[in-house]
Amino acid sequence: MIKEIKVAGIKLYNYNVFENLARIAKNLEANVFTTIEEIDMKTILLAKEDESVKEVLESLDVTVFSEAGVLDAIGEATILRRAEIERREFFLQFMKIVEHSGYTVYIIGKDQKEIAAASQYLADEFSRMKVSGLVALDEIDGEDYGIINDINTLAPDIILSVLPSPIQEKFLKEYKPMLLAKIWYGVGEGKIAGTRLTIGAKIMKKLRKLELLRYVQEGKENEET
């Protein structure tokens, strides 16, 4: 398995669950702030059009693919990798570690609906997890510095983002140097509770896969000429 890949011109790490967890553990031991993000086809396509999103994705310490379609596009979706993506193996293993270690979690989302869904899911599935703070960007007037102050006052171990892309990536890019935490984990909007896809969402997913495959093929043809 290739550990560093390029998808539609975007350089990403391609480690399995246990390799990613080992990288995180090493950073925690060294007291290094670690950035993690779950990446799907929509994020990749956004990054292709938005240089700031691409910059953030390429700077992440840990990349977790949340759709096998990303790896399908470059022929790297092995049976084992596909299975761990479909089971959300990284998310579940990571959250178990957070819960058992007693780490505190601060949840940031776009609105109260997303925040409520995320916090309820964590309460149901990881009942001993310590959520130290919650914030919805829609309820903040003016600059985001109030959020940064709140986060840094509470000094959580994990900042759990359920923001949509590209808001998530742009927030991280702007405020990363200011955040007092051990880990930033960008799960993204509508993913944490495993929401069932509507028919329309399934169609859009297939269209994104076709678009991504086209970009990959175009990239190969350009390299050959």
Foldseek 3Di string as FASTA:
>chain_A
DDQWDAFLNAIAGDDAQVVLVVLLVVLVVVLHEAEEEEDELVLVVVCNVDVLSSVLRNPHPYYHYLALLRVVLVVRNDPVNRVCNVVVVNVVVVLVCQQVVQFEEEEEEADPVQQVLQVVLCCVPRVSHHYPYYDHNPPDPDDCVVVLVVQVVSLTQEYEYQYAPPVVSVVCVVCVVSGRYRYYYYHYHPPNNPDDDDPVRVVVSVVSSVVSSVSSVVVVVVVVD
